Amino acid sequence: MYLVVFRNRKRADMDAAAYAADAAAMEALARVQPGFRSFKSYTSDDGEVIALSEWADEPSARGWGRQAEHLAVQRRGRDSYYASYTLFACADPRIHHFEAKDPS
């Protein structure tokens, strides 16, 4: 597994409708890329967004990063949407899992 964490803050003056359209298009496109496993996004009370994407391996995640339409939207993000962002990526993260047993 290869995990990508994208932390970001949006610009106050961004076009929210254009961002939403680009975000939806990129999620749909990512879901059909080789090696895609999952995507989730969370927004904190202070406006910071954490987006998590899980890939089969590093080449799959890097391939997504170089996908032509994604590159164009990345440029638009830097130019028009994001005040700041940080991307974290790691292969084979240490995983701890708990699941409660059904009491019945």
N, C-alpha and C. Protein backbone atom coordinates (compact mmCIF):
# COMPACT_ATOMS: atom_id res chain seq x y z
N MET A 1 0.83 -1.17 0.00
CA MET A 1 0.00 0.00 0.00
C MET A 1 0.88 1.24 0.00
N TYR A 2 0.40 2.29 -0.66
CA TYR A 2 1.08 3.58 -0.68
C TYR A 2 0.04 4.63 -0.30
N LEU A 3 0.33 5.41 0.72
CA LEU A 3 -0.61 6.38 1.26
C LEU A 3 -0.16 7.80 0.93
N VAL A 4 -1.09 8.62 0.46
CA VAL A 4 -0.82 10.03 0.17
C VAL A 4 -1.77 10.87 1.02
N VAL A 5 -1.20 11.81 1.77
CA VAL A 5 -1.98 12.73 2.60
C VAL A 5 -1.75 14.14 2.05
N PHE A 6 -2.83 14.80 1.67
CA PHE A 6 -2.77 16.14 1.09
C PHE A 6 -3.48 17.10 2.04
N ARG A 7 -2.69 17.91 2.77
CA ARG A 7 -3.25 18.92 3.67
C ARG A 7 -3.28 20.24 2.93
N ASN A 8 -4.41 20.94 3.02
CA ASN A 8 -4.48 22.21 2.29
C ASN A 8 -5.42 23.20 2.94
N ARG A 9 -5.20 24.44 2.58
CA ARG A 9 -6.09 25.55 2.95
C ARG A 9 -6.43 26.30 1.67
N LYS A 10 -7.70 26.59 1.51
CA LYS A 10 -8.16 27.29 0.31
C LYS A 10 -8.00 28.80 0.45
N ARG A 11 -7.93 29.46 -0.68
CA ARG A 11 -7.91 30.93 -0.72
C ARG A 11 -9.32 31.44 -0.42
N ALA A 12 -9.40 32.52 0.30
CA ALA A 12 -10.70 33.10 0.64
C ALA A 12 -11.46 33.57 -0.60
N ASP A 13 -10.72 33.99 -1.63
CA ASP A 13 -11.35 34.55 -2.82
C ASP A 13 -11.49 33.56 -3.97
N MET A 14 -11.33 32.27 -3.70
CA MET A 14 -11.39 31.30 -4.81
C MET A 14 -12.83 31.12 -5.30
N ASP A 15 -12.95 30.63 -6.51
CA ASP A 15 -14.25 30.32 -7.11
C ASP A 15 -14.65 28.93 -6.60
N ALA A 16 -15.53 28.89 -5.60
CA ALA A 16 -15.91 27.63 -4.95
C ALA A 16 -16.58 26.66 -5.93
N ALA A 17 -17.38 27.17 -6.85
CA ALA A 17 -18.06 26.29 -7.81
C ALA A 17 -17.04 25.65 -8.76
N ALA A 18 -16.08 26.43 -9.23
CA ALA A 18 -15.04 25.88 -10.11
C ALA A 18 -14.21 24.84 -9.37
N TYR A 19 -13.86 25.13 -8.11
CA TYR A 19 -13.11 24.17 -7.32
C TYR A 19 -13.89 22.87 -7.15
N ALA A 20 -15.16 22.98 -6.79
CA ALA A 20 -15.99 21.78 -6.58
C ALA A 20 -16.07 20.95 -7.86
N ALA A 21 -16.21 21.60 -9.00
CA ALA A 21 -16.28 20.87 -10.27
C ALA A 21 -14.95 20.17 -10.55
N ASP A 22 -13.84 20.86 -10.34
CA ASP A 22 -12.53 20.24 -10.56
C ASP A 22 -12.30 19.09 -9.58
N ALA A 23 -12.67 19.28 -8.32
CA ALA A 23 -12.46 18.24 -7.31
C ALA A 23 -13.27 16.98 -7.67
N ALA A 24 -14.51 17.16 -8.08
CA ALA A 24 -15.35 16.01 -8.45
C ALA A 24 -14.79 15.30 -9.67
N ALA A 25 -14.34 16.06 -10.66
CA ALA A 25 -13.77 15.46 -11.86
C ALA A 25 -12.49 14.69 -11.53
N MET A 26 -11.65 15.25 -10.66
CA MET A 26 -10.39 14.58 -10.30
C MET A 26 -10.64 13.32 -9.48
N GLU A 27 -11.62 13.36 -8.60
CA GLU A 27 -11.93 12.14 -7.83
C GLU A 27 -12.42 11.04 -8.77
N ALA A 28 -13.30 11.38 -9.69
CA ALA A 28 -13.80 10.38 -10.65
C ALA A 28 -12.66 9.84 -11.50
N LEU A 29 -11.77 10.69 -11.94
CA LEU A 29 -10.64 10.25 -12.76
C LEU A 29 -9.67 9.39 -11.95
N ALA A 30 -9.41 9.79 -10.72
CA ALA A 30 -8.49 9.01 -9.87
C ALA A 30 -9.04 7.60 -9.66
N ARG A 31 -10.33 7.47 -9.48
CA ARG A 31 -10.93 6.17 -9.18
C ARG A 31 -10.73 5.15 -10.30
N VAL A 32 -10.46 5.59 -11.52
CA VAL A 32 -10.25 4.65 -12.64
C VAL A 32 -8.77 4.49 -12.99
N GLN A 33 -7.88 5.12 -12.22
CA GLN A 33 -6.45 4.98 -12.47
C GLN A 33 -5.95 3.63 -11.96
N PRO A 34 -4.97 3.05 -12.65
CA PRO A 34 -4.39 1.79 -12.17
C PRO A 34 -3.83 1.95 -10.75
N GLY A 35 -4.16 1.01 -9.89
CA GLY A 35 -3.63 1.02 -8.54
C GLY A 35 -4.42 1.82 -7.53
N PHE A 36 -5.46 2.53 -7.96
CA PHE A 36 -6.27 3.31 -7.01
C PHE A 36 -6.99 2.36 -6.05
N ARG A 37 -6.99 2.73 -4.76
CA ARG A 37 -7.71 1.93 -3.76
C ARG A 37 -8.82 2.71 -3.07
N SER A 38 -8.52 3.94 -2.62
CA SER A 38 -9.57 4.69 -1.91
C SER A 38 -9.21 6.17 -1.84
N PHE A 39 -10.24 6.97 -1.57
CA PHE A 39 -10.07 8.41 -1.37
C PHE A 39 -11.11 8.88 -0.37
N LYS A 40 -10.67 9.71 0.58
CA LYS A 40 -11.57 10.36 1.52
C LYS A 40 -11.02 11.74 1.82
N SER A 41 -11.91 12.66 2.14
CA SER A 41 -11.51 14.03 2.45
C SER A 41 -12.27 14.52 3.67
N TYR A 42 -11.58 15.24 4.53
CA TYR A 42 -12.16 15.75 5.77
C TYR A 42 -11.80 17.22 5.91
N THR A 43 -12.76 18.02 6.39
CA THR A 43 -12.52 19.44 6.62
C THR A 43 -12.65 19.72 8.11
N SER A 44 -11.64 20.36 8.67
CA SER A 44 -11.66 20.69 10.10
C SER A 44 -12.45 21.99 10.33
N ASP A 45 -12.76 22.26 11.59
CA ASP A 45 -13.51 23.46 11.94
C ASP A 45 -12.80 24.73 11.52
N ASP A 46 -11.46 24.70 11.47
CA ASP A 46 -10.72 25.91 11.10
C ASP A 46 -10.48 26.02 9.59
N GLY A 47 -11.07 25.12 8.81
CA GLY A 47 -11.00 25.21 7.36
C GLY A 47 -9.91 24.39 6.70
N GLU A 48 -9.01 23.81 7.47
CA GLU A 48 -7.98 22.97 6.86
C GLU A 48 -8.63 21.69 6.34
N VAL A 49 -8.17 21.22 5.19
CA VAL A 49 -8.67 20.00 4.58
C VAL A 49 -7.57 18.95 4.60
N ILE A 50 -7.96 17.73 4.95
CA ILE A 50 -7.06 16.58 4.86
C ILE A 50 -7.68 15.63 3.86
N ALA A 51 -6.97 15.36 2.79
CA ALA A 51 -7.43 14.41 1.78
C ALA A 51 -6.48 13.21 1.80
N LEU A 52 -7.06 12.02 1.93
CA LEU A 52 -6.27 10.79 1.99
C LEU A 52 -6.56 9.95 0.75
N SER A 53 -5.50 9.57 0.06
CA SER A 53 -5.69 8.63 -1.04
C SER A 53 -4.76 7.44 -0.81
N GLU A 54 -5.29 6.27 -1.12
CA GLU A 54 -4.55 5.03 -0.93
C GLU A 54 -4.37 4.38 -2.30
N TRP A 55 -3.13 3.95 -2.55
CA TRP A 55 -2.76 3.37 -3.84
C TRP A 55 -2.13 2.00 -3.61
N ALA A 56 -2.13 1.17 -4.62
CA ALA A 56 -1.55 -0.16 -4.52
C ALA A 56 -0.04 -0.09 -4.25
N ASP A 57 0.62 0.91 -4.86
CA ASP A 57 2.07 1.02 -4.74
C ASP A 57 2.51 2.42 -5.15
N GLU A 58 3.77 2.72 -4.93
CA GLU A 58 4.30 4.04 -5.26
C GLU A 58 4.21 4.37 -6.75
N PRO A 59 4.54 3.45 -7.67
CA PRO A 59 4.40 3.81 -9.08
C PRO A 59 2.98 4.21 -9.47
N SER A 60 1.98 3.57 -8.87
CA SER A 60 0.58 3.95 -9.16
C SER A 60 0.30 5.37 -8.70
N ALA A 61 0.73 5.70 -7.47
CA ALA A 61 0.50 7.05 -6.94
C ALA A 61 1.25 8.09 -7.76
N ARG A 62 2.48 7.79 -8.12
CA ARG A 62 3.25 8.74 -8.93
C ARG A 62 2.67 8.89 -10.33
N GLY A 63 2.15 7.79 -10.86
CA GLY A 63 1.49 7.87 -12.17
C GLY A 63 0.29 8.81 -12.14
N TRP A 64 -0.48 8.75 -11.05
CA TRP A 64 -1.60 9.66 -10.89
C TRP A 64 -1.10 11.11 -10.83
N GLY A 65 -0.01 11.32 -10.14
CA GLY A 65 0.55 12.67 -10.04
C GLY A 65 0.99 13.23 -11.38
N ARG A 66 1.29 12.35 -12.34
CA ARG A 66 1.75 12.79 -13.67
C ARG A 66 0.67 12.69 -14.73
N GLN A 67 -0.54 12.31 -14.35
CA GLN A 67 -1.64 12.18 -15.31
C GLN A 67 -1.95 13.57 -15.89
N ALA A 68 -2.10 13.68 -17.20
CA ALA A 68 -2.18 14.98 -17.89
C ALA A 68 -3.29 15.89 -17.35
N GLU A 69 -4.51 15.38 -17.22
CA GLU A 69 -5.60 16.22 -16.72
C GLU A 69 -5.36 16.63 -15.28
N HIS A 70 -4.80 15.71 -14.49
CA HIS A 70 -4.49 16.01 -13.10
C HIS A 70 -3.42 17.10 -13.02
N LEU A 71 -2.40 17.04 -13.88
CA LEU A 71 -1.37 18.09 -13.90
C LEU A 71 -1.98 19.47 -14.17
N ALA A 72 -2.94 19.52 -15.11
CA ALA A 72 -3.58 20.80 -15.43
C ALA A 72 -4.35 21.34 -14.23
N VAL A 73 -5.06 20.46 -13.52
CA VAL A 73 -5.83 20.90 -12.35
C VAL A 73 -4.89 21.25 -11.20
N GLN A 74 -3.76 20.57 -11.08
CA GLN A 74 -2.77 20.94 -10.07
C GLN A 74 -2.29 22.37 -10.29
N ARG A 75 -2.01 22.72 -11.55
CA ARG A 75 -1.59 24.10 -11.87
C ARG A 75 -2.69 25.09 -11.49
N ARG A 76 -3.93 24.75 -11.84
CA ARG A 76 -5.06 25.63 -11.52
C ARG A 76 -5.19 25.78 -10.00
N GLY A 77 -4.94 24.69 -9.27
CA GLY A 77 -5.00 24.74 -7.81
C GLY A 77 -3.99 25.73 -7.25
N ARG A 78 -2.75 25.66 -7.73
CA ARG A 78 -1.72 26.60 -7.25
C ARG A 78 -2.05 28.04 -7.65
N ASP A 79 -2.59 28.21 -8.85
CA ASP A 79 -2.89 29.56 -9.35
C ASP A 79 -4.15 30.17 -8.74
N SER A 80 -5.16 29.33 -8.45
CA SER A 80 -6.48 29.87 -8.13
C SER A 80 -7.14 29.38 -6.85
N TYR A 81 -6.79 28.19 -6.36
CA TYR A 81 -7.56 27.60 -5.26
C TYR A 81 -6.85 27.59 -3.91
N TYR A 82 -5.59 27.25 -3.88
CA TYR A 82 -4.91 26.99 -2.61
C TYR A 82 -4.12 28.17 -2.08
N ALA A 83 -4.30 28.44 -0.79
CA ALA A 83 -3.44 29.39 -0.09
C ALA A 83 -2.15 28.68 0.31
N SER A 84 -2.29 27.39 0.66
CA SER A 84 -1.12 26.58 1.00
C SER A 84 -1.50 25.11 0.94
N TYR A 85 -0.49 24.27 0.77
CA TYR A 85 -0.71 22.83 0.89
C TYR A 85 0.60 22.13 1.21
N THR A 86 0.46 20.95 1.77
CA THR A 86 1.59 20.06 2.05
C THR A 86 1.16 18.66 1.66
N LEU A 87 2.03 17.96 0.97
CA LEU A 87 1.75 16.60 0.57
C LEU A 87 2.71 15.66 1.29
N PHE A 88 2.16 14.64 1.91
CA PHE A 88 2.94 13.61 2.59
C PHE A 88 2.68 12.29 1.85
N ALA A 89 3.71 11.49 1.63
CA ALA A 89 3.52 10.21 0.96
C ALA A 89 4.43 9.18 1.61
N CYS A 90 3.90 7.97 1.77
CA CYS A 90 4.74 6.92 2.36
C CYS A 90 4.31 5.55 1.87
N ALA A 91 5.30 4.71 1.71
CA ALA A 91 5.06 3.32 1.34
C ALA A 91 4.96 2.49 2.61
N ASP A 92 4.11 1.49 2.58
CA ASP A 92 3.98 0.54 3.68
C ASP A 92 3.91 1.20 5.06
N PRO A 93 2.92 2.07 5.27
CA PRO A 93 2.80 2.70 6.59
C PRO A 93 2.51 1.63 7.65
N ARG A 94 2.96 1.89 8.84
CA ARG A 94 2.65 0.97 9.93
C ARG A 94 1.16 1.10 10.21
N ILE A 95 0.48 -0.02 10.28
CA ILE A 95 -0.97 -0.03 10.41
C ILE A 95 -1.37 -0.80 11.66
N HIS A 96 -2.21 -0.18 12.47
CA HIS A 96 -2.83 -0.84 13.62
C HIS A 96 -4.32 -0.81 13.37
N HIS A 97 -4.99 -1.92 13.54
CA HIS A 97 -6.42 -2.00 13.26
C HIS A 97 -7.13 -2.61 14.46
N PHE A 98 -8.27 -2.06 14.81
CA PHE A 98 -9.12 -2.60 15.87
C PHE A 98 -10.53 -2.68 15.33
N GLU A 99 -11.22 -3.73 15.65
CA GLU A 99 -12.63 -3.85 15.32
C GLU A 99 -13.32 -4.55 16.48
N ALA A 100 -14.31 -3.89 17.05
CA ALA A 100 -15.04 -4.46 18.18
C ALA A 100 -15.78 -5.71 17.74
N LYS A 101 -15.83 -6.68 18.64
CA LYS A 101 -16.57 -7.91 18.36
C LYS A 101 -18.05 -7.63 18.57
N ASP A 102 -18.87 -8.27 17.77
CA ASP A 102 -20.32 -8.16 17.89
C ASP A 102 -20.71 -8.79 19.24
N PRO A 103 -21.40 -8.01 20.11
CA PRO A 103 -21.72 -8.52 21.46
C PRO A 103 -22.74 -9.67 21.46
N SER A 104 -23.41 -9.93 20.36
CA SER A 104 -24.43 -10.99 20.36
C SER A 104 -23.87 -12.37 20.16
